[in-house]
């Protein structure tokens, strides 16, 4: 796999995780599975959990532990208000970035600037 693909995926995971949690609270393993369903992301637990922890430390997520009959307690993640704002900001930037790249590819920005 190309290095640039790996780097692009890593950069998008925070945006994807925040958007998954916009749907509602979820636990770590479920988040990993939801992201694995998107073939283009090709994530692993070792990639997702550090991002979840970083988002929690940044006060973008709150976490609660729920006892599980199948092993250790399940950790449920939910967006905080700062997390909702962060997701909205990232979505806005994503739309702007995609638009800019599309304009670059089609040359429309160059035409508008001349």
C-alpha atoms as a PDB file:
ATOM      1  CA  UNK A   1       0.000   0.000   0.000  1.00  0.00           C
ATOM      2  CA  UNK A   2       1.209   3.499  -0.781  1.00  0.00           C
ATOM      3  CA  UNK A   3       2.439   5.606   2.135  1.00  0.00           C
ATOM      4  CA  UNK A   4       0.292   8.552   1.060  1.00  0.00           C
ATOM      5  CA  UNK A   5      -2.854   6.396   1.332  1.00  0.00           C
ATOM      6  CA  UNK A   6      -1.939   5.391   4.878  1.00  0.00           C
ATOM      7  CA  UNK A   7      -1.305   9.010   5.870  1.00  0.00           C
ATOM      8  CA  UNK A   8      -4.562  10.207   4.318  1.00  0.00           C
ATOM      9  CA  UNK A   9      -6.536   7.508   6.146  1.00  0.00           C
ATOM     10  CA  UNK A  10      -4.958   8.399   9.474  1.00  0.00           C
ATOM     11  CA  UNK A  11      -5.864  12.027   9.009  1.00  0.00           C
ATOM     12  CA  UNK A  12      -9.480  11.198   8.269  1.00  0.00           C
ATOM     13  CA  UNK A  13     -10.101   8.867  11.197  1.00  0.00           C
ATOM     14  CA  UNK A  14     -10.760  11.581  13.769  1.00  0.00           C
ATOM     15  CA  UNK A  15     -13.380  13.101  11.476  1.00  0.00           C
ATOM     16  CA  UNK A  16     -14.949   9.674  10.893  1.00  0.00           C
ATOM     17  CA  UNK A  17     -15.027   8.805  14.601  1.00  0.00           C
ATOM     18  CA  UNK A  18     -16.639  12.111  15.536  1.00  0.00           C
ATOM     19  CA  UNK A  19     -19.242  11.645  12.827  1.00  0.00           C
ATOM     20  CA  UNK A  20     -20.000   8.093  13.970  1.00  0.00           C
ATOM     21  CA  UNK A  21     -20.587   9.400  17.479  1.00  0.00           C
ATOM     22  CA  UNK A  22     -22.927  12.098  16.171  1.00  0.00           C
ATOM     23  CA  UNK A  23     -25.381   9.219  15.722  1.00  0.00           C
ATOM     24  CA  UNK A  24     -25.189   8.538  19.435  1.00  0.00           C
ATOM     25  CA  UNK A  25     -23.156   6.835  22.129  1.00  0.00           C
ATOM     26  CA  UNK A  26     -21.175   3.746  21.130  1.00  0.00           C
ATOM     27  CA  UNK A  27     -18.551   1.463  22.584  1.00  0.00           C
ATOM     28  CA  UNK A  28     -15.025   1.104  21.295  1.00  0.00           C
ATOM     29  CA  UNK A  29     -15.317  -2.275  19.616  1.00  0.00           C
ATOM     30  CA  UNK A  30     -18.512  -1.200  17.802  1.00  0.00           C
ATOM     31  CA  UNK A  31     -16.754   1.955  16.568  1.00  0.00           C
ATOM     32  CA  UNK A  32     -13.895  -0.158  15.234  1.00  0.00           C
ATOM     33  CA  UNK A  33     -16.351  -2.495  13.489  1.00  0.00           C
ATOM     34  CA  UNK A  34     -18.298   0.401  11.950  1.00  0.00           C
ATOM     35  CA  UNK A  35     -15.073   1.851  10.585  1.00  0.00           C
ATOM     36  CA  UNK A  36     -13.918  -1.563   9.328  1.00  0.00           C
ATOM     37  CA  UNK A  37     -17.107  -1.726   7.271  1.00  0.00           C
ATOM     38  CA  UNK A  38     -15.635   1.086   5.161  1.00  0.00           C
ATOM     39  CA  UNK A  39     -13.065  -0.778   3.072  1.00  0.00           C
ATOM     40  CA  UNK A  40     -11.213   2.382   2.102  1.00  0.00           C
ATOM     41  CA  UNK A  41     -10.336   3.106   5.738  1.00  0.00           C
ATOM     42  CA  UNK A  42      -8.908  -0.326   6.621  1.00  0.00           C
ATOM     43  CA  UNK A  43      -8.621   0.399  10.349  1.00  0.00           C
ATOM     44  CA  UNK A  44      -7.450  -1.693  13.276  1.00  0.00           C
ATOM     45  CA  UNK A  45      -8.116  -1.449  16.988  1.00  0.00           C
ATOM     46  CA  UNK A  46      -4.549  -0.279  17.521  1.00  0.00           C
ATOM     47  CA  UNK A  47      -5.303   2.723  15.307  1.00  0.00           C
ATOM     48  CA  UNK A  48      -8.737   3.652  16.686  1.00  0.00           C
ATOM     49  CA  UNK A  49      -8.249   3.378  20.457  1.00  0.00           C
ATOM     50  CA  UNK A  50      -5.414   5.932  20.656  1.00  0.00           C
ATOM     51  CA  UNK A  51      -7.606   8.405  18.757  1.00  0.00           C
ATOM     52  CA  UNK A  52     -10.508   7.766  21.136  1.00  0.00           C
ATOM     53  CA  UNK A  53      -8.190   8.373  24.098  1.00  0.00           C
ATOM     54  CA  UNK A  54      -6.804  11.566  22.568  1.00  0.00           C
ATOM     55  CA  UNK A  55     -10.327  12.854  21.898  1.00  0.00           C
ATOM     56  CA  UNK A  56     -11.315  12.016  25.479  1.00  0.00           C
ATOM     57  CA  UNK A  57      -8.280  13.841  26.883  1.00  0.00           C
ATOM     58  CA  UNK A  58      -9.189  16.834  24.710  1.00  0.00           C
ATOM     59  CA  UNK A  59     -12.675  16.892  26.277  1.00  0.00           C
ATOM     60  CA  UNK A  60     -14.325  16.038  22.946  1.00  0.00           C
ATOM     61  CA  UNK A  61     -15.654  12.735  24.282  1.00  0.00           C
ATOM     62  CA  UNK A  62     -17.022  11.512  27.567  1.00  0.00           C
ATOM     63  CA  UNK A  63     -16.612   7.897  28.569  1.00  0.00           C
ATOM     64  CA  UNK A  64     -18.610   5.672  30.837  1.00  0.00           C
ATOM     65  CA  UNK A  65     -17.901   2.084  31.812  1.00  0.00           C
ATOM     66  CA  UNK A  66     -20.715  -0.460  31.797  1.00  0.00           C
ATOM     67  CA  UNK A  67     -20.284  -3.929  33.322  1.00  0.00           C
ATOM     68  CA  UNK A  68     -20.219  -6.733  30.757  1.00  0.00           C
ATOM     69  CA  UNK A  69     -21.094 -10.408  31.205  1.00  0.00           C
ATOM     70  CA  UNK A  70     -18.503 -11.251  28.555  1.00  0.00           C
ATOM     71  CA  UNK A  71     -15.380  -9.802  30.172  1.00  0.00           C
ATOM     72  CA  UNK A  72     -14.126  -6.414  31.285  1.00  0.00           C
ATOM     73  CA  UNK A  73     -16.487  -3.439  31.442  1.00  0.00           C
ATOM     74  CA  UNK A  74     -17.429  -1.908  28.126  1.00  0.00           C
ATOM     75  CA  UNK A  75     -16.376   1.685  27.624  1.00  0.00           C
ATOM     76  CA  UNK A  76     -19.048   3.787  25.943  1.00  0.00           C
ATOM     77  CA  UNK A  77     -18.053   6.985  24.183  1.00  0.00           C
ATOM     78  CA  UNK A  78     -20.278  10.010  23.506  1.00  0.00           C
ATOM     79  CA  UNK A  79     -19.662  13.475  22.142  1.00  0.00           C
ATOM     80  CA  UNK A  80     -19.427  16.364  24.571  1.00  0.00           C
ATOM     81  CA  UNK A  81     -20.550  19.837  23.510  1.00  0.00           C
ATOM     82  CA  UNK A  82     -16.963  20.731  22.525  1.00  0.00           C
ATOM     83  CA  UNK A  83     -16.906  17.445  20.584  1.00  0.00           C
ATOM     84  CA  UNK A  84     -20.045  18.437  18.672  1.00  0.00           C
ATOM     85  CA  UNK A  85     -18.475  21.784  17.822  1.00  0.00           C
ATOM     86  CA  UNK A  86     -15.241  20.066  16.766  1.00  0.00           C
ATOM     87  CA  UNK A  87     -17.176  17.680  14.503  1.00  0.00           C
ATOM     88  CA  UNK A  88     -19.049  20.595  12.907  1.00  0.00           C
ATOM     89  CA  UNK A  89     -15.800  22.532  12.362  1.00  0.00           C
ATOM     90  CA  UNK A  90     -14.112  19.499  10.836  1.00  0.00           C
ATOM     91  CA  UNK A  91     -17.107  18.836   8.570  1.00  0.00           C
ATOM     92  CA  UNK A  92     -17.075  22.448   7.379  1.00  0.00           C
ATOM     93  CA  UNK A  93     -13.360  22.272   6.667  1.00  0.00           C
ATOM     94  CA  UNK A  94     -13.753  18.908   4.913  1.00  0.00           C
ATOM     95  CA  UNK A  95     -16.413  20.336   2.571  1.00  0.00           C
ATOM     96  CA  UNK A  96     -14.222  23.363   1.885  1.00  0.00           C
ATOM     97  CA  UNK A  97     -11.166  21.188   1.229  1.00  0.00           C
ATOM     98  CA  UNK A  98     -13.026  18.827  -1.111  1.00  0.00           C
ATOM     99  CA  UNK A  99     -14.420  21.809  -2.994  1.00  0.00           C
ATOM    100  CA  UNK A 100     -10.986  23.379  -3.325  1.00  0.00           C
ATOM    101  CA  UNK A 101      -9.431  20.149  -4.606  1.00  0.00           C
ATOM    102  CA  UNK A 102     -12.256  19.724  -7.122  1.00  0.00           C
ATOM    103  CA  UNK A 103     -11.754  23.299  -8.344  1.00  0.00           C
ATOM    104  CA  UNK A 104      -8.040  22.627  -8.639  1.00  0.00           C
ATOM    105  CA  UNK A 105      -8.649  19.448 -10.643  1.00  0.00           C
ATOM    106  CA  UNK A 106     -11.059  21.127 -13.037  1.00  0.00           C
ATOM    107  CA  UNK A 107      -9.114  24.388 -13.300  1.00  0.00           C
ATOM    108  CA  UNK A 108     -12.173  26.449 -12.388  1.00  0.00           C
ATOM    109  CA  UNK A 109     -10.349  28.411  -9.705  1.00  0.00           C
ATOM    110  CA  UNK A 110      -7.753  29.502 -12.246  1.00  0.00           C
ATOM    111  CA  UNK A 111     -10.502  30.664 -14.625  1.00  0.00           C
ATOM    112  CA  UNK A 112     -12.232  32.639 -11.879  1.00  0.00           C
ATOM    113  CA  UNK A 113      -8.992  34.299 -10.829  1.00  0.00           C
ATOM    114  CA  UNK A 114      -8.189  35.584 -14.320  1.00  0.00           C
END
